[in-house]
Amino acid sequence: MQNIRKGDEVIVLTGRDKKRRGTVLARVGEEHVLVEGINVVKKHVRANPMTGAQGGIVDKTLPIHISNVALFNPATGKGDRVGVQVVDGKKVRVFRSNGAEVGAKA
């Protein structure tokens, strides 16, 4: 079971975007995630008249390693680790600090 999934709100633990929050847009492989507004770089793009693509400088979101982000716990206001528990015969993700279910409305 994946600890961090698409649509989860995460907080960055290290790097230049430390302490910033964002939503996971996609998983890139097993160990990387794309987070909205995090790890954005300027990319110089060459124009391509065959496809009609215009050249210039564009902002591009790059993947960040999954170990550098933590799931945001709204109850504590901090990043938190995730565990798995069996509830009613189903596996659910829970926060390690308070045992609350991930994604449950409080």
N, C-alpha and C. Protein backbone atom coordinates (compact mmCIF):
# COMPACT_ATOMS: atom_id res chain seq x y z
N MET A 1 0.85 -1.19 0.00
CA MET A 1 0.00 0.00 0.00
C MET A 1 0.89 1.25 0.00
N GLN A 2 0.54 2.19 -0.86
CA GLN A 2 1.34 3.41 -0.97
C GLN A 2 1.00 4.37 0.17
N ASN A 3 2.04 4.88 0.83
CA ASN A 3 1.83 5.83 1.92
C ASN A 3 1.37 7.18 1.41
N ILE A 4 1.91 7.61 0.29
CA ILE A 4 1.54 8.90 -0.30
C ILE A 4 0.94 8.63 -1.67
N ARG A 5 -0.25 9.18 -1.89
CA ARG A 5 -0.98 8.95 -3.13
C ARG A 5 -1.30 10.27 -3.82
N LYS A 6 -1.78 10.15 -5.06
CA LYS A 6 -2.23 11.31 -5.81
C LYS A 6 -3.40 11.97 -5.07
N GLY A 7 -3.35 13.29 -4.94
CA GLY A 7 -4.41 14.03 -4.27
C GLY A 7 -4.14 14.30 -2.80
N ASP A 8 -3.13 13.68 -2.21
CA ASP A 8 -2.79 13.92 -0.81
C ASP A 8 -2.13 15.28 -0.64
N GLU A 9 -2.36 15.91 0.51
CA GLU A 9 -1.68 17.15 0.83
C GLU A 9 -0.42 16.81 1.60
N VAL A 10 0.72 17.31 1.10
CA VAL A 10 2.01 17.00 1.71
C VAL A 10 2.73 18.28 2.09
N ILE A 11 3.71 18.13 2.98
CA ILE A 11 4.57 19.24 3.39
C ILE A 11 6.00 18.83 3.09
N VAL A 12 6.80 19.76 2.59
CA VAL A 12 8.18 19.48 2.19
C VAL A 12 9.07 19.55 3.43
N LEU A 13 9.92 18.55 3.62
CA LEU A 13 10.78 18.46 4.79
C LEU A 13 12.16 19.07 4.57
N THR A 14 12.70 19.00 3.35
CA THR A 14 14.05 19.50 3.08
C THR A 14 14.10 20.23 1.75
N GLY A 15 15.18 20.96 1.54
CA GLY A 15 15.39 21.64 0.27
C GLY A 15 14.95 23.09 0.31
N ARG A 16 14.97 23.72 -0.85
CA ARG A 16 14.67 25.15 -0.91
C ARG A 16 13.19 25.45 -0.67
N ASP A 17 12.33 24.45 -0.82
CA ASP A 17 10.90 24.62 -0.59
C ASP A 17 10.47 24.10 0.77
N LYS A 18 11.40 24.00 1.71
CA LYS A 18 11.12 23.46 3.04
C LYS A 18 9.96 24.20 3.71
N LYS A 19 9.08 23.45 4.36
CA LYS A 19 7.90 23.94 5.10
C LYS A 19 6.76 24.41 4.21
N ARG A 20 6.87 24.24 2.89
CA ARG A 20 5.77 24.60 2.00
C ARG A 20 4.87 23.41 1.79
N ARG A 21 3.58 23.68 1.59
CA ARG A 21 2.61 22.62 1.39
C ARG A 21 2.10 22.62 -0.04
N GLY A 22 1.69 21.44 -0.50
CA GLY A 22 1.12 21.32 -1.83
C GLY A 22 0.40 20.00 -1.98
N THR A 23 -0.31 19.87 -3.08
CA THR A 23 -1.06 18.66 -3.37
C THR A 23 -0.29 17.80 -4.36
N VAL A 24 -0.28 16.50 -4.13
CA VAL A 24 0.41 15.57 -5.02
C VAL A 24 -0.37 15.48 -6.33
N LEU A 25 0.29 15.82 -7.44
CA LEU A 25 -0.34 15.76 -8.76
C LEU A 25 -0.21 14.37 -9.38
N ALA A 26 0.93 13.72 -9.15
CA ALA A 26 1.16 12.40 -9.74
C ALA A 26 2.34 11.73 -9.06
N ARG A 27 2.35 10.40 -9.15
CA ARG A 27 3.51 9.62 -8.72
C ARG A 27 4.38 9.39 -9.95
N VAL A 28 5.68 9.62 -9.80
CA VAL A 28 6.62 9.41 -10.90
C VAL A 28 7.52 8.26 -10.48
N GLY A 29 7.23 7.09 -10.98
CA GLY A 29 7.97 5.90 -10.56
C GLY A 29 7.58 5.52 -9.14
N GLU A 30 8.44 4.74 -8.49
CA GLU A 30 8.16 4.29 -7.13
C GLU A 30 8.55 5.32 -6.09
N GLU A 31 9.59 6.13 -6.38
CA GLU A 31 10.18 6.93 -5.33
C GLU A 31 10.06 8.45 -5.51
N HIS A 32 9.34 8.92 -6.52
CA HIS A 32 9.23 10.35 -6.74
C HIS A 32 7.77 10.76 -6.90
N VAL A 33 7.48 12.01 -6.52
CA VAL A 33 6.13 12.57 -6.67
C VAL A 33 6.23 13.96 -7.27
N LEU A 34 5.20 14.35 -8.00
CA LEU A 34 5.05 15.72 -8.50
C LEU A 34 4.12 16.44 -7.55
N VAL A 35 4.58 17.55 -6.97
CA VAL A 35 3.78 18.30 -6.01
C VAL A 35 3.50 19.67 -6.60
N GLU A 36 2.25 20.07 -6.54
CA GLU A 36 1.80 21.34 -7.12
C GLU A 36 2.52 22.52 -6.46
N GLY A 37 3.23 23.32 -7.27
CA GLY A 37 3.89 24.52 -6.78
C GLY A 37 5.21 24.29 -6.07
N ILE A 38 5.68 23.06 -6.03
CA ILE A 38 6.94 22.72 -5.34
C ILE A 38 7.95 22.26 -6.38
N ASN A 39 9.22 22.67 -6.18
CA ASN A 39 10.33 22.30 -7.06
C ASN A 39 10.08 22.78 -8.49
N VAL A 40 9.68 24.05 -8.61
CA VAL A 40 9.42 24.66 -9.92
C VAL A 40 10.71 25.32 -10.40
N VAL A 41 11.10 25.02 -11.64
CA VAL A 41 12.32 25.58 -12.21
C VAL A 41 12.00 26.28 -13.53
N LYS A 42 12.90 27.15 -13.97
CA LYS A 42 12.79 27.81 -15.27
C LYS A 42 13.48 26.94 -16.31
N LYS A 43 12.78 26.67 -17.39
CA LYS A 43 13.33 25.82 -18.45
C LYS A 43 13.35 26.61 -19.75
N HIS A 44 14.51 26.66 -20.40
CA HIS A 44 14.64 27.34 -21.68
C HIS A 44 14.22 26.36 -22.78
N VAL A 45 13.21 26.75 -23.56
CA VAL A 45 12.65 25.87 -24.56
C VAL A 45 12.88 26.46 -25.95
N ARG A 46 13.36 25.63 -26.86
CA ARG A 46 13.58 26.06 -28.23
C ARG A 46 12.27 25.98 -29.00
N ALA A 47 12.04 26.94 -29.88
CA ALA A 47 10.83 26.94 -30.70
C ALA A 47 10.89 25.80 -31.70
N ASN A 48 9.72 25.24 -32.00
CA ASN A 48 9.63 24.16 -32.98
C ASN A 48 8.51 24.50 -33.96
N PRO A 49 8.87 25.02 -35.14
CA PRO A 49 7.84 25.41 -36.11
C PRO A 49 7.04 24.23 -36.67
N MET A 50 7.59 23.03 -36.60
CA MET A 50 6.88 21.85 -37.11
C MET A 50 5.62 21.57 -36.27
N THR A 51 5.72 21.76 -34.97
CA THR A 51 4.57 21.49 -34.10
C THR A 51 3.86 22.78 -33.69
N GLY A 52 4.45 23.91 -34.02
CA GLY A 52 3.84 25.18 -33.66
C GLY A 52 4.15 25.60 -32.24
N ALA A 53 5.11 24.92 -31.60
CA ALA A 53 5.48 25.25 -30.22
C ALA A 53 6.33 26.51 -30.21
N GLN A 54 5.97 27.43 -29.32
CA GLN A 54 6.69 28.69 -29.22
C GLN A 54 7.85 28.53 -28.24
N GLY A 55 8.97 29.16 -28.54
CA GLY A 55 10.13 29.09 -27.68
C GLY A 55 10.07 30.12 -26.57
N GLY A 56 10.99 30.01 -25.63
CA GLY A 56 11.06 30.96 -24.53
C GLY A 56 11.41 30.27 -23.23
N ILE A 57 11.11 30.96 -22.13
CA ILE A 57 11.38 30.43 -20.80
C ILE A 57 10.05 30.03 -20.17
N VAL A 58 9.95 28.77 -19.77
CA VAL A 58 8.70 28.27 -19.18
C VAL A 58 9.00 27.72 -17.78
N ASP A 59 7.99 27.76 -16.92
CA ASP A 59 8.10 27.16 -15.60
C ASP A 59 7.74 25.68 -15.70
N LYS A 60 8.54 24.85 -15.05
CA LYS A 60 8.31 23.41 -15.11
C LYS A 60 8.42 22.83 -13.71
N THR A 61 7.47 22.00 -13.34
CA THR A 61 7.49 21.34 -12.04
C THR A 61 8.24 20.02 -12.17
N LEU A 62 9.29 19.86 -11.37
CA LEU A 62 10.08 18.64 -11.40
C LEU A 62 9.71 17.73 -10.24
N PRO A 63 9.94 16.43 -10.38
CA PRO A 63 9.62 15.50 -9.30
C PRO A 63 10.52 15.72 -8.08
N ILE A 64 10.00 15.35 -6.92
CA ILE A 64 10.75 15.43 -5.67
C ILE A 64 10.72 14.04 -5.04
N HIS A 65 11.81 13.67 -4.39
CA HIS A 65 11.89 12.33 -3.79
C HIS A 65 10.88 12.20 -2.66
N ILE A 66 10.30 11.03 -2.55
CA ILE A 66 9.22 10.79 -1.60
C ILE A 66 9.71 10.89 -0.15
N SER A 67 11.01 10.71 0.08
CA SER A 67 11.55 10.81 1.44
C SER A 67 11.65 12.26 1.89
N ASN A 68 11.53 13.20 0.97
CA ASN A 68 11.63 14.62 1.31
C ASN A 68 10.29 15.27 1.56
N VAL A 69 9.21 14.49 1.52
CA VAL A 69 7.89 15.02 1.82
C VAL A 69 7.22 14.15 2.87
N ALA A 70 6.29 14.74 3.62
CA ALA A 70 5.51 14.00 4.61
C ALA A 70 4.06 14.39 4.44
N LEU A 71 3.18 13.46 4.75
CA LEU A 71 1.75 13.73 4.67
C LEU A 71 1.38 14.77 5.71
N PHE A 72 0.58 15.77 5.31
CA PHE A 72 0.19 16.85 6.23
C PHE A 72 -0.99 16.39 7.07
N ASN A 73 -0.83 16.51 8.39
CA ASN A 73 -1.89 16.14 9.33
C ASN A 73 -2.62 17.41 9.75
N PRO A 74 -3.88 17.62 9.34
CA PRO A 74 -4.59 18.86 9.69
C PRO A 74 -4.87 18.99 11.18
N ALA A 75 -4.94 17.88 11.90
CA ALA A 75 -5.22 17.95 13.33
C ALA A 75 -4.05 18.55 14.10
N THR A 76 -2.82 18.22 13.71
CA THR A 76 -1.64 18.73 14.41
C THR A 76 -1.01 19.92 13.69
N GLY A 77 -1.31 20.07 12.40
CA GLY A 77 -0.72 21.16 11.62
C GLY A 77 0.71 20.89 11.21
N LYS A 78 1.14 19.64 11.28
CA LYS A 78 2.51 19.27 10.95
C LYS A 78 2.52 18.10 9.98
N GLY A 79 3.70 17.79 9.47
CA GLY A 79 3.87 16.60 8.66
C GLY A 79 3.88 15.38 9.57
N ASP A 80 3.41 14.25 9.06
CA ASP A 80 3.29 13.07 9.91
C ASP A 80 3.59 11.81 9.11
N ARG A 81 4.04 10.78 9.82
CA ARG A 81 4.27 9.49 9.20
C ARG A 81 2.94 8.75 9.09
N VAL A 82 2.93 7.74 8.24
CA VAL A 82 1.69 7.02 7.96
C VAL A 82 1.87 5.55 8.29
N GLY A 83 0.84 4.98 8.91
CA GLY A 83 0.81 3.55 9.18
C GLY A 83 -0.43 2.96 8.54
N VAL A 84 -0.54 1.63 8.60
CA VAL A 84 -1.67 0.93 8.02
C VAL A 84 -2.35 0.11 9.11
N GLN A 85 -3.67 0.22 9.19
CA GLN A 85 -4.45 -0.57 10.13
C GLN A 85 -5.58 -1.25 9.36
N VAL A 86 -6.07 -2.36 9.90
CA VAL A 86 -7.21 -3.05 9.31
C VAL A 86 -8.46 -2.62 10.07
N VAL A 87 -9.38 -1.99 9.35
CA VAL A 87 -10.64 -1.54 9.93
C VAL A 87 -11.77 -2.14 9.11
N ASP A 88 -12.63 -2.90 9.75
CA ASP A 88 -13.76 -3.56 9.08
C ASP A 88 -13.31 -4.41 7.90
N GLY A 89 -12.18 -5.08 8.04
CA GLY A 89 -11.68 -5.95 6.98
C GLY A 89 -10.98 -5.25 5.84
N LYS A 90 -10.81 -3.93 5.93
CA LYS A 90 -10.12 -3.17 4.89
C LYS A 90 -8.89 -2.51 5.48
N LYS A 91 -7.85 -2.41 4.65
CA LYS A 91 -6.65 -1.69 5.07
C LYS A 91 -6.88 -0.20 4.88
N VAL A 92 -6.60 0.60 5.91
CA VAL A 92 -6.73 2.05 5.81
C VAL A 92 -5.44 2.68 6.31
N ARG A 93 -5.14 3.85 5.74
CA ARG A 93 -3.96 4.60 6.18
C ARG A 93 -4.33 5.45 7.40
N VAL A 94 -3.45 5.46 8.40
CA VAL A 94 -3.68 6.25 9.61
C VAL A 94 -2.42 7.05 9.93
N PHE A 95 -2.62 8.20 10.58
CA PHE A 95 -1.48 9.00 11.03
C PHE A 95 -0.87 8.34 12.26
N ARG A 96 0.46 8.31 12.33
CA ARG A 96 1.14 7.66 13.44
C ARG A 96 1.00 8.45 14.74
N SER A 97 0.89 9.76 14.67
CA SER A 97 0.89 10.57 15.89
C SER A 97 -0.40 10.44 16.68
N ASN A 98 -1.56 10.46 16.00
CA ASN A 98 -2.82 10.43 16.73
C ASN A 98 -3.75 9.29 16.32
N GLY A 99 -3.36 8.48 15.35
CA GLY A 99 -4.16 7.33 14.95
C GLY A 99 -5.39 7.67 14.11
N ALA A 100 -5.53 8.94 13.70
CA ALA A 100 -6.67 9.34 12.89
C ALA A 100 -6.51 8.81 11.47
N GLU A 101 -7.62 8.51 10.84
CA GLU A 101 -7.59 7.98 9.49
C GLU A 101 -7.24 9.09 8.50
N VAL A 102 -6.40 8.77 7.53
CA VAL A 102 -5.99 9.74 6.50
C VAL A 102 -7.18 10.01 5.60
N GLY A 103 -7.48 11.28 5.38
CA GLY A 103 -8.56 11.65 4.49
C GLY A 103 -9.93 11.69 5.16
N ALA A 104 -9.99 11.32 6.44
CA ALA A 104 -11.28 11.35 7.15
C ALA A 104 -11.60 12.79 7.55
N LYS A 105 -12.84 13.17 7.36
CA LYS A 105 -13.27 14.53 7.72
C LYS A 105 -13.52 14.57 9.23
N ALA A 106 -12.87 15.53 9.88
CA ALA A 106 -13.02 15.63 11.34
C ALA A 106 -13.98 16.71 11.75
